[in-house]
Amino acid sequence: MSSPGGRFAGRVAIITGAGAPDGIGFAVARLLVDEGARVVLGATSDRILARGAELGDTAVGVVGDLTAEGSAKALVDTAVDRWGRVDILVNNAG
């Protein structure tokens, strides 16, 4: 699914508000993965875990509510623990 030589190859993105399968956040995630990025998807529903799996091993879903203390940190920690950094933030929650 991902393109190792795509425009975003090697980049790591966090995308909030990515839970809806037909929403902007998930569409952006799919485009970034198709262009070689690795993505952390954030959403309030545990359905985000399945959404991440749909995109393969270059994506992971994290359940959280950005109004709750620690949720944003969990997204960053997941990206850094898994891929070493964060290059792109798509703030789509809300």
PDB file of N, CA and C in Angstrom:
ATOM      1  N   MET A   1       0.816  -1.190   0.000  1.00  0.00           N
ATOM      2  CA  MET A   1       0.000   0.000   0.000  1.00  0.00           C
ATOM      3  C   MET A   1       0.859   1.253   0.000  1.00  0.00           C
ATOM      4  N   SER A   2       1.943   1.296   0.821  1.00  0.00           N
ATOM      5  CA  SER A   2       2.750   2.503   0.848  1.00  0.00           C
ATOM      6  C   SER A   2       3.799   2.479  -0.254  1.00  0.00           C
ATOM      7  N   SER A   3       4.228   3.664  -0.626  1.00  0.00           N
ATOM      8  CA  SER A   3       5.239   3.814  -1.661  1.00  0.00           C
ATOM      9  C   SER A   3       6.552   4.205  -1.002  1.00  0.00           C
ATOM     10  N   PRO A   4       7.555   3.310  -0.987  1.00  0.00           N
ATOM     11  CA  PRO A   4       8.810   3.624  -0.318  1.00  0.00           C
ATOM     12  C   PRO A   4       9.499   4.856  -0.889  1.00  0.00           C
ATOM     13  N   GLY A   5       9.215   5.185  -2.132  1.00  0.00           N
ATOM     14  CA  GLY A   5       9.834   6.345  -2.750  1.00  0.00           C
ATOM     15  C   GLY A   5       8.902   7.520  -2.892  1.00  0.00           C
ATOM     16  N   GLY A   6       7.787   7.511  -2.179  1.00  0.00           N
ATOM     17  CA  GLY A   6       6.800   8.575  -2.302  1.00  0.00           C
ATOM     18  C   GLY A   6       7.274   9.898  -1.726  1.00  0.00           C
ATOM     19  N   ARG A   7       6.488  10.924  -1.926  1.00  0.00           N
ATOM     20  CA  ARG A   7       6.828  12.277  -1.471  1.00  0.00           C
ATOM     21  C   ARG A   7       7.036  12.372   0.029  1.00  0.00           C
ATOM     22  N   PHE A   8       6.401  11.476   0.794  1.00  0.00           N
ATOM     23  CA  PHE A   8       6.511  11.528   2.253  1.00  0.00           C
ATOM     24  C   PHE A   8       7.261  10.324   2.812  1.00  0.00           C
ATOM     25  N   ALA A   9       8.082   9.699   1.978  1.00  0.00           N
ATOM     26  CA  ALA A   9       8.837   8.518   2.404  1.00  0.00           C
ATOM     27  C   ALA A   9       9.689   8.840   3.627  1.00  0.00           C
ATOM     28  N   GLY A  10       9.579   7.994   4.644  1.00  0.00           N
ATOM     29  CA  GLY A  10      10.360   8.160   5.858  1.00  0.00           C
ATOM     30  C   GLY A  10       9.805   9.170   6.838  1.00  0.00           C
ATOM     31  N   ARG A  11       8.770   9.884   6.477  1.00  0.00           N
ATOM     32  CA  ARG A  11       8.167  10.883   7.372  1.00  0.00           C
ATOM     33  C   ARG A  11       7.193  10.194   8.310  1.00  0.00           C
ATOM     34  N   VAL A  12       7.017  10.804   9.485  1.00  0.00           N
ATOM     35  CA  VAL A  12       6.089  10.277  10.486  1.00  0.00           C
ATOM     36  C   VAL A  12       5.050  11.353  10.773  1.00  0.00           C
ATOM     37  N   ALA A  13       3.776  10.980  10.652  1.00  0.00           N
ATOM     38  CA  ALA A  13       2.677  11.924  10.839  1.00  0.00           C
ATOM     39  C   ALA A  13       1.769  11.494  11.977  1.00  0.00           C
ATOM     40  N   ILE A  14       1.249  12.481  12.693  1.00  0.00           N
ATOM     41  CA  ILE A  14       0.168  12.272  13.651  1.00  0.00           C
ATOM     42  C   ILE A  14      -1.057  12.949  13.062  1.00  0.00           C
ATOM     43  N   ILE A  15      -2.169  12.217  13.027  1.00  0.00           N
ATOM     44  CA  ILE A  15      -3.416  12.759  12.490  1.00  0.00           C
ATOM     45  C   ILE A  15      -4.495  12.586  13.543  1.00  0.00           C
ATOM     46  N   THR A  16      -5.031  13.690  14.038  1.00  0.00           N
ATOM     47  CA  THR A  16      -6.126  13.618  14.999  1.00  0.00           C
ATOM     48  C   THR A  16      -7.454  13.622  14.242  1.00  0.00           C
ATOM     49  N   GLY A  17      -8.499  13.160  14.894  1.00  0.00           N
ATOM     50  CA  GLY A  17      -9.817  13.133  14.261  1.00  0.00           C
ATOM     51  C   GLY A  17      -9.876  12.220  13.057  1.00  0.00           C
ATOM     52  N   ALA A  18      -9.214  11.062  13.159  1.00  0.00           N
ATOM     53  CA  ALA A  18      -9.096  10.162  12.008  1.00  0.00           C
ATOM     54  C   ALA A  18     -10.017   8.950  12.087  1.00  0.00           C
ATOM     55  N   GLY A  19     -11.017   8.980  12.956  1.00  0.00           N
ATOM     56  CA  GLY A  19     -11.825   7.793  13.204  1.00  0.00           C
ATOM     57  C   GLY A  19     -12.882   7.450  12.173  1.00  0.00           C
ATOM     58  N   ALA A  20     -13.411   8.437  11.481  1.00  0.00           N
ATOM     59  CA  ALA A  20     -14.485   8.159  10.519  1.00  0.00           C
ATOM     60  C   ALA A  20     -13.901   7.624   9.218  1.00  0.00           C
ATOM     61  N   PRO A  21     -14.367   6.468   8.739  1.00  0.00           N
ATOM     62  CA  PRO A  21     -13.792   5.878   7.525  1.00  0.00           C
ATOM     63  C   PRO A  21     -13.979   6.742   6.282  1.00  0.00           C
ATOM     64  N   ASP A  22     -14.975   7.619   6.296  1.00  0.00           N
ATOM     65  CA  ASP A  22     -15.211   8.488   5.143  1.00  0.00           C
ATOM     66  C   ASP A  22     -14.899   9.949   5.467  1.00  0.00           C
ATOM     67  N   GLY A  23     -14.124  10.168   6.540  1.00  0.00           N
ATOM     68  CA  GLY A  23     -13.807  11.520   6.973  1.00  0.00           C
ATOM     69  C   GLY A  23     -12.487  12.043   6.419  1.00  0.00           C
ATOM     70  N   ILE A  24     -12.256  13.320   6.660  1.00  0.00           N
ATOM     71  CA  ILE A  24     -11.050  13.985   6.177  1.00  0.00           C
ATOM     72  C   ILE A  24      -9.794  13.381   6.794  1.00  0.00           C
ATOM     73  N   GLY A  25      -9.801  13.143   8.104  1.00  0.00           N
ATOM     74  CA  GLY A  25      -8.614  12.626   8.778  1.00  0.00           C
ATOM     75  C   GLY A  25      -8.145  11.301   8.217  1.00  0.00           C
ATOM     76  N   PHE A  26      -9.071  10.372   8.021  1.00  0.00           N
ATOM     77  CA  PHE A  26      -8.686   9.064   7.492  1.00  0.00           C
ATOM     78  C   PHE A  26      -8.267   9.167   6.030  1.00  0.00           C
ATOM     79  N   ALA A  27      -8.899  10.062   5.278  1.00  0.00           N
ATOM     80  CA  ALA A  27      -8.506  10.264   3.877  1.00  0.00           C
ATOM     81  C   ALA A  27      -7.078  10.804   3.789  1.00  0.00           C
ATOM     82  N   VAL A  28      -6.740  11.744   4.657  1.00  0.00           N
ATOM     83  CA  VAL A  28      -5.377  12.274   4.694  1.00  0.00           C
ATOM     84  C   VAL A  28      -4.401  11.165   5.074  1.00  0.00           C
ATOM     85  N   ALA A  29      -4.778  10.346   6.052  1.00  0.00           N
ATOM     86  CA  ALA A  29      -3.919   9.231   6.465  1.00  0.00           C
ATOM     87  C   ALA A  29      -3.647   8.290   5.301  1.00  0.00           C
ATOM     88  N   ARG A  30      -4.675   7.951   4.578  1.00  0.00           N
ATOM     89  CA  ARG A  30      -4.524   7.044   3.438  1.00  0.00           C
ATOM     90  C   ARG A  30      -3.587   7.658   2.381  1.00  0.00           C
ATOM     91  N   LEU A  31      -3.748   8.934   2.102  1.00  0.00           N
ATOM     92  CA  LEU A  31      -2.879   9.602   1.126  1.00  0.00           C
ATOM     93  C   LEU A  31      -1.424   9.624   1.592  1.00  0.00           C
ATOM     94  N   LEU A  32      -1.217   9.937   2.870  1.00  0.00           N
ATOM     95  CA  LEU A  32       0.151   9.974   3.390  1.00  0.00           C
ATOM     96  C   LEU A  32       0.805   8.596   3.341  1.00  0.00           C
ATOM     97  N   VAL A  33       0.061   7.567   3.738  1.00  0.00           N
ATOM     98  CA  VAL A  33       0.596   6.200   3.681  1.00  0.00           C
ATOM     99  C   VAL A  33       0.910   5.823   2.235  1.00  0.00           C
ATOM    100  N   ASP A  34       0.018   6.166   1.326  1.00  0.00           N
ATOM    101  CA  ASP A  34       0.252   5.863  -0.090  1.00  0.00           C
ATOM    102  C   ASP A  34       1.516   6.546  -0.619  1.00  0.00           C
ATOM    103  N   GLU A  35       1.894   7.663   0.000  1.00  0.00           N
ATOM    104  CA  GLU A  35       3.095   8.395  -0.412  1.00  0.00           C
ATOM    105  C   GLU A  35       4.302   8.075   0.470  1.00  0.00           C
ATOM    106  N   GLY A  36       4.219   6.989   1.260  1.00  0.00           N
ATOM    107  CA  GLY A  36       5.383   6.505   1.984  1.00  0.00           C
ATOM    108  C   GLY A  36       5.499   6.881   3.444  1.00  0.00           C
ATOM    109  N   ALA A  37       4.558   7.651   3.976  1.00  0.00           N
ATOM    110  CA  ALA A  37       4.631   8.067   5.382  1.00  0.00           C
ATOM    111  C   ALA A  37       4.173   6.959   6.319  1.00  0.00           C
ATOM    112  N   ARG A  38       4.597   7.072   7.551  1.00  0.00           N
ATOM    113  CA  ARG A  38       4.081   6.244   8.638  1.00  0.00           C
ATOM    114  C   ARG A  38       3.194   7.153   9.476  1.00  0.00           C
ATOM    115  N   VAL A  39       2.037   6.655   9.910  1.00  0.00           N
ATOM    116  CA  VAL A  39       1.074   7.529  10.569  1.00  0.00           C
ATOM    117  C   VAL A  39       0.558   6.955  11.881  1.00  0.00           C
ATOM    118  N   VAL A  40       0.322   7.878  12.815  1.00  0.00           N
ATOM    119  CA  VAL A  40      -0.377   7.577  14.055  1.00  0.00           C
ATOM    120  C   VAL A  40      -1.734   8.244  13.939  1.00  0.00           C
ATOM    121  N   LEU A  41      -2.791   7.447  14.021  1.00  0.00           N
ATOM    122  CA  LEU A  41      -4.156   7.944  13.892  1.00  0.00           C
ATOM    123  C   LEU A  41      -4.758   8.104  15.275  1.00  0.00           C
ATOM    124  N   GLY A  42      -5.322   9.257  15.556  1.00  0.00           N
ATOM    125  CA  GLY A  42      -5.970   9.485  16.836  1.00  0.00           C
ATOM    126  C   GLY A  42      -7.458   9.683  16.674  1.00  0.00           C
ATOM    127  N   ALA A  43      -8.230   9.086  17.594  1.00  0.00           N
ATOM    128  CA  ALA A  43      -9.686   9.254  17.598  1.00  0.00           C
ATOM    129  C   ALA A  43     -10.216   8.863  18.968  1.00  0.00           C
ATOM    130  N   THR A  44     -11.449   9.261  19.253  1.00  0.00           N
ATOM    131  CA  THR A  44     -12.048   8.970  20.556  1.00  0.00           C
ATOM    132  C   THR A  44     -12.636   7.575  20.651  1.00  0.00           C
ATOM    133  N   SER A  45     -12.892   6.939  19.537  1.00  0.00           N
ATOM    134  CA  SER A  45     -13.501   5.609  19.526  1.00  0.00           C
ATOM    135  C   SER A  45     -12.439   4.533  19.329  1.00  0.00           C
ATOM    136  N   ASP A  46     -12.658   3.377  19.933  1.00  0.00           N
ATOM    137  CA  ASP A  46     -11.703   2.278  19.751  1.00  0.00           C
ATOM    138  C   ASP A  46     -11.756   1.701  18.334  1.00  0.00           C
ATOM    139  N   ARG A  47     -12.668   2.175  17.519  1.00  0.00           N
ATOM    140  CA  ARG A  47     -12.684   1.772  16.100  1.00  0.00           C
ATOM    141  C   ARG A  47     -11.423   2.225  15.376  1.00  0.00           C
ATOM    142  N   ILE A  48     -10.729   3.206  15.961  1.00  0.00           N
ATOM    143  CA  ILE A  48      -9.505   3.701  15.332  1.00  0.00           C
ATOM    144  C   ILE A  48      -8.444   2.610  15.259  1.00  0.00           C
ATOM    145  N   LEU A  49      -8.504   1.655  16.162  1.00  0.00           N
ATOM    146  CA  LEU A  49      -7.527   0.563  16.149  1.00  0.00           C
ATOM    147  C   LEU A  49      -7.659  -0.249  14.863  1.00  0.00           C
ATOM    148  N   ALA A  50      -8.902  -0.511  14.459  1.00  0.00           N
ATOM    149  CA  ALA A  50      -9.145  -1.232  13.203  1.00  0.00           C
ATOM    150  C   ALA A  50      -8.789  -0.364  12.002  1.00  0.00           C
ATOM    151  N   ARG A  51      -9.047   0.937  12.096  1.00  0.00           N
ATOM    152  CA  ARG A  51      -8.717   1.846  10.990  1.00  0.00           C
ATOM    153  C   ARG A  51      -7.213   1.823  10.733  1.00  0.00           C
ATOM    154  N   GLY A  52      -6.427   1.847  11.802  1.00  0.00           N
ATOM    155  CA  GLY A  52      -4.979   1.779  11.646  1.00  0.00           C
ATOM    156  C   GLY A  52      -4.554   0.492  10.980  1.00  0.00           C
ATOM    157  N   ALA A  53      -5.166  -0.609  11.384  1.00  0.00           N
ATOM    158  CA  ALA A  53      -4.832  -1.918  10.808  1.00  0.00           C
ATOM    159  C   ALA A  53      -5.171  -1.972   9.318  1.00  0.00           C
ATOM    160  N   GLU A  54      -6.220  -1.259   8.904  1.00  0.00           N
ATOM    161  CA  GLU A  54      -6.598  -1.228   7.484  1.00  0.00           C
ATOM    162  C   GLU A  54      -5.475  -0.677   6.610  1.00  0.00           C
ATOM    163  N   LEU A  55      -4.661   0.196   7.188  1.00  0.00           N
ATOM    164  CA  LEU A  55      -3.592   0.840   6.418  1.00  0.00           C
ATOM    165  C   LEU A  55      -2.284   0.058   6.454  1.00  0.00           C
ATOM    166  N   GLY A  56      -2.251  -1.045   7.173  1.00  0.00           N
ATOM    167  CA  GLY A  56      -1.060  -1.891   7.199  1.00  0.00           C
ATOM    168  C   GLY A  56      -0.112  -1.552   8.328  1.00  0.00           C
ATOM    169  N   ASP A  57       1.109  -2.035   8.198  1.00  0.00           N
ATOM    170  CA  ASP A  57       2.069  -1.890   9.288  1.00  0.00           C
ATOM    171  C   ASP A  57       2.722  -0.515   9.355  1.00  0.00           C
ATOM    172  N   THR A  58       2.331   0.386   8.466  1.00  0.00           N
ATOM    173  CA  THR A  58       2.851   1.745   8.522  1.00  0.00           C
ATOM    174  C   THR A  58       1.894   2.689   9.241  1.00  0.00           C
ATOM    175  N   ALA A  59       0.877   2.131   9.889  1.00  0.00           N
ATOM    176  CA  ALA A  59      -0.092   2.952  10.612  1.00  0.00           C
ATOM    177  C   ALA A  59      -0.479   2.270  11.913  1.00  0.00           C
ATOM    178  N   VAL A  60      -0.806   3.096  12.893  1.00  0.00           N
ATOM    179  CA  VAL A  60      -1.273   2.587  14.177  1.00  0.00           C
ATOM    180  C   VAL A  60      -2.323   3.559  14.716  1.00  0.00           C
ATOM    181  N   GLY A  61      -3.369   3.005  15.316  1.00  0.00           N
ATOM    182  CA  GLY A  61      -4.410   3.828  15.912  1.00  0.00           C
ATOM    183  C   GLY A  61      -4.207   3.971  17.402  1.00  0.00           C
ATOM    184  N   VAL A  62      -4.557   5.149  17.927  1.00  0.00           N
ATOM    185  CA  VAL A  62      -4.476   5.435  19.356  1.00  0.00           C
ATOM    186  C   VAL A  62      -5.806   6.036  19.783  1.00  0.00           C
ATOM    187  N   VAL A  63      -6.407   5.450  20.814  1.00  0.00           N
ATOM    188  CA  VAL A  63      -7.677   5.949  21.336  1.00  0.00           C
ATOM    189  C   VAL A  63      -7.390   7.030  22.363  1.00  0.00           C
ATOM    190  N   GLY A  64      -8.075   8.154  22.236  1.00  0.00           N
ATOM    191  CA  GLY A  64      -7.907   9.222  23.214  1.00  0.00           C
ATOM    192  C   GLY A  64      -8.811  10.391  22.904  1.00  0.00           C
ATOM    193  N   ASP A  65      -8.993  11.225  23.906  1.00  0.00           N
ATOM    194  CA  ASP A  65      -9.794  12.439  23.788  1.00  0.00           C
ATOM    195  C   ASP A  65      -8.856  13.607  24.052  1.00  0.00           C
ATOM    196  N   LEU A  66      -8.628  14.444  23.072  1.00  0.00           N
ATOM    197  CA  LEU A  66      -7.653  15.517  23.216  1.00  0.00           C
ATOM    198  C   LEU A  66      -8.017  16.538  24.281  1.00  0.00           C
ATOM    199  N   THR A  67      -9.246  16.506  24.782  1.00  0.00           N
ATOM    200  CA  THR A  67      -9.592  17.387  25.892  1.00  0.00           C
ATOM    201  C   THR A  67      -9.123  16.808  27.222  1.00  0.00           C
ATOM    202  N   ALA A  68      -8.710  15.553  27.222  1.00  0.00           N
ATOM    203  CA  ALA A  68      -8.218  14.900  28.441  1.00  0.00           C
ATOM    204  C   ALA A  68      -6.698  15.014  28.514  1.00  0.00           C
ATOM    205  N   GLU A  69      -6.233  15.359  29.692  1.00  0.00           N
ATOM    206  CA  GLU A  69      -4.793  15.477  29.904  1.00  0.00           C
ATOM    207  C   GLU A  69      -4.096  14.157  29.561  1.00  0.00           C
ATOM    208  N   GLY A  70      -3.051  14.230  28.815  1.00  0.00           N
ATOM    209  CA  GLY A  70      -2.274  13.047  28.481  1.00  0.00           C
ATOM    210  C   GLY A  70      -2.569  12.448  27.122  1.00  0.00           C
ATOM    211  N   SER A  71      -3.695  12.772  26.516  1.00  0.00           N
ATOM    212  CA  SER A  71      -4.033  12.168  25.220  1.00  0.00           C
ATOM    213  C   SER A  71      -3.098  12.616  24.103  1.00  0.00           C
ATOM    214  N   ALA A  72      -2.776  13.896  24.062  1.00  0.00           N
ATOM    215  CA  ALA A  72      -1.851  14.379  23.034  1.00  0.00           C
ATOM    216  C   ALA A  72      -0.470  13.760  23.235  1.00  0.00           C
ATOM    217  N   LYS A  73      -0.059  13.659  24.488  1.00  0.00           N
ATOM    218  CA  LYS A  73       1.235  13.044  24.795  1.00  0.00           C
ATOM    219  C   LYS A  73       1.263  11.586  24.350  1.00  0.00           C
ATOM    220  N   ALA A  74       0.153  10.881  24.498  1.00  0.00           N
ATOM    221  CA  ALA A  74       0.092   9.477  24.075  1.00  0.00           C
ATOM    222  C   ALA A  74       0.306   9.349  22.568  1.00  0.00           C
ATOM    223  N   LEU A  75      -0.226  10.282  21.793  1.00  0.00           N
ATOM    224  CA  LEU A  75      -0.024  10.261  20.340  1.00  0.00           C
ATOM    225  C   LEU A  75       1.451  10.467  19.990  1.00  0.00           C
ATOM    226  N   VAL A  76       2.057  11.470  20.615  1.00  0.00           N
ATOM    227  CA  VAL A  76       3.471  11.753  20.362  1.00  0.00           C
ATOM    228  C   VAL A  76       4.338  10.592  20.829  1.00  0.00           C
ATOM    229  N   ASP A  77       4.060  10.090  22.027  1.00  0.00           N
ATOM    230  CA  ASP A  77       4.843   8.969  22.556  1.00  0.00           C
ATOM    231  C   ASP A  77       4.764   7.751  21.645  1.00  0.00           C
ATOM    232  N   THR A  78       3.583   7.483  21.103  1.00  0.00           N
ATOM    233  CA  THR A  78       3.425   6.344  20.196  1.00  0.00           C
ATOM    234  C   THR A  78       4.283   6.522  18.948  1.00  0.00           C
ATOM    235  N   ALA A  79       4.243   7.717  18.368  1.00  0.00           N
ATOM    236  CA  ALA A  79       5.045   7.981  17.165  1.00  0.00           C
ATOM    237  C   ALA A  79       6.540   7.854  17.454  1.00  0.00           C
ATOM    238  N   VAL A  80       6.978   8.444  18.545  1.00  0.00           N
ATOM    239  CA  VAL A  80       8.403   8.431  18.879  1.00  0.00           C
ATOM    240  C   VAL A  80       8.864   7.027  19.258  1.00  0.00           C
ATOM    241  N   ASP A  81       8.065   6.320  20.044  1.00  0.00           N
ATOM    242  CA  ASP A  81       8.437   4.956  20.440  1.00  0.00           C
ATOM    243  C   ASP A  81       8.513   4.025  19.236  1.00  0.00           C
ATOM    244  N   ARG A  82       7.601   4.206  18.301  1.00  0.00           N
ATOM    245  CA  ARG A  82       7.525   3.285  17.162  1.00  0.00           C
ATOM    246  C   ARG A  82       8.466   3.663  16.017  1.00  0.00           C
ATOM    247  N   TRP A  83       8.557   4.982  15.724  1.00  0.00           N
ATOM    248  CA  TRP A  83       9.314   5.405  14.548  1.00  0.00           C
ATOM    249  C   TRP A  83      10.371   6.478  14.818  1.00  0.00           C
ATOM    250  N   GLY A  84      10.540   6.865  16.064  1.00  0.00           N
ATOM    251  CA  GLY A  84      11.651   7.735  16.425  1.00  0.00           C
ATOM    252  C   GLY A  84      11.449   9.229  16.337  1.00  0.00           C
ATOM    253  N   ARG A  85      10.341   9.674  15.799  1.00  0.00           N
ATOM    254  CA  ARG A  85      10.152  11.120  15.659  1.00  0.00           C
ATOM    255  C   ARG A  85       8.744  11.449  15.164  1.00  0.00           C
ATOM    256  N   VAL A  86       8.473  12.760  15.069  1.00  0.00           N
ATOM    257  CA  VAL A  86       7.248  13.273  14.452  1.00  0.00           C
ATOM    258  C   VAL A  86       7.666  14.366  13.475  1.00  0.00           C
ATOM    259  N   ASP A  87       7.205  14.256  12.230  1.00  0.00           N
ATOM    260  CA  ASP A  87       7.513  15.254  11.209  1.00  0.00           C
ATOM    261  C   ASP A  87       6.297  16.086  10.810  1.00  0.00           C
ATOM    262  N   ILE A  88       5.122  15.485  10.899  1.00  0.00           N
ATOM    263  CA  ILE A  88       3.900  16.106  10.379  1.00  0.00           C
ATOM    264  C   ILE A  88       2.801  15.983  11.424  1.00  0.00           C
ATOM    265  N   LEU A  89       2.055  17.068  11.637  1.00  0.00           N
ATOM    266  CA  LEU A  89       0.868  17.030  12.492  1.00  0.00           C
ATOM    267  C   LEU A  89      -0.319  17.529  11.686  1.00  0.00           C
ATOM    268  N   VAL A  90      -1.358  16.709  11.611  1.00  0.00           N
ATOM    269  CA  VAL A  90      -2.617  17.107  10.986  1.00  0.00           C
ATOM    270  C   VAL A  90      -3.625  17.193  12.119  1.00  0.00           C
ATOM    271  N   ASN A  91      -3.940  18.418  12.524  1.00  0.00           N
ATOM    272  CA  ASN A  91      -4.815  18.651  13.667  1.00  0.00           C
ATOM    273  C   ASN A  91      -6.256  18.749  13.163  1.00  0.00           C
ATOM    274  N   ASN A  92      -6.920  17.603  13.066  1.00  0.00           N
ATOM    275  CA  ASN A  92      -8.231  17.493  12.451  1.00  0.00           C
ATOM    276  C   ASN A  92      -9.336  17.192  13.466  1.00  0.00           C
ATOM    277  N   ALA A  93      -9.007  17.109  14.739  1.00  0.00           N
ATOM    278  CA  ALA A  93     -10.013  16.785  15.762  1.00  0.00           C
ATOM    279  C   ALA A  93     -11.015  17.920  15.897  1.00  0.00           C
ATOM    280  N   GLY A  94     -12.255  17.537  16.194  1.00  0.00           N
ATOM    281  CA  GLY A  94     -13.252  18.552  16.469  1.00  0.00           C
ATOM    282  C   GLY A  94     -14.301  18.584  15.518  1.00  0.00           C
TER     283      GLY A  94
END
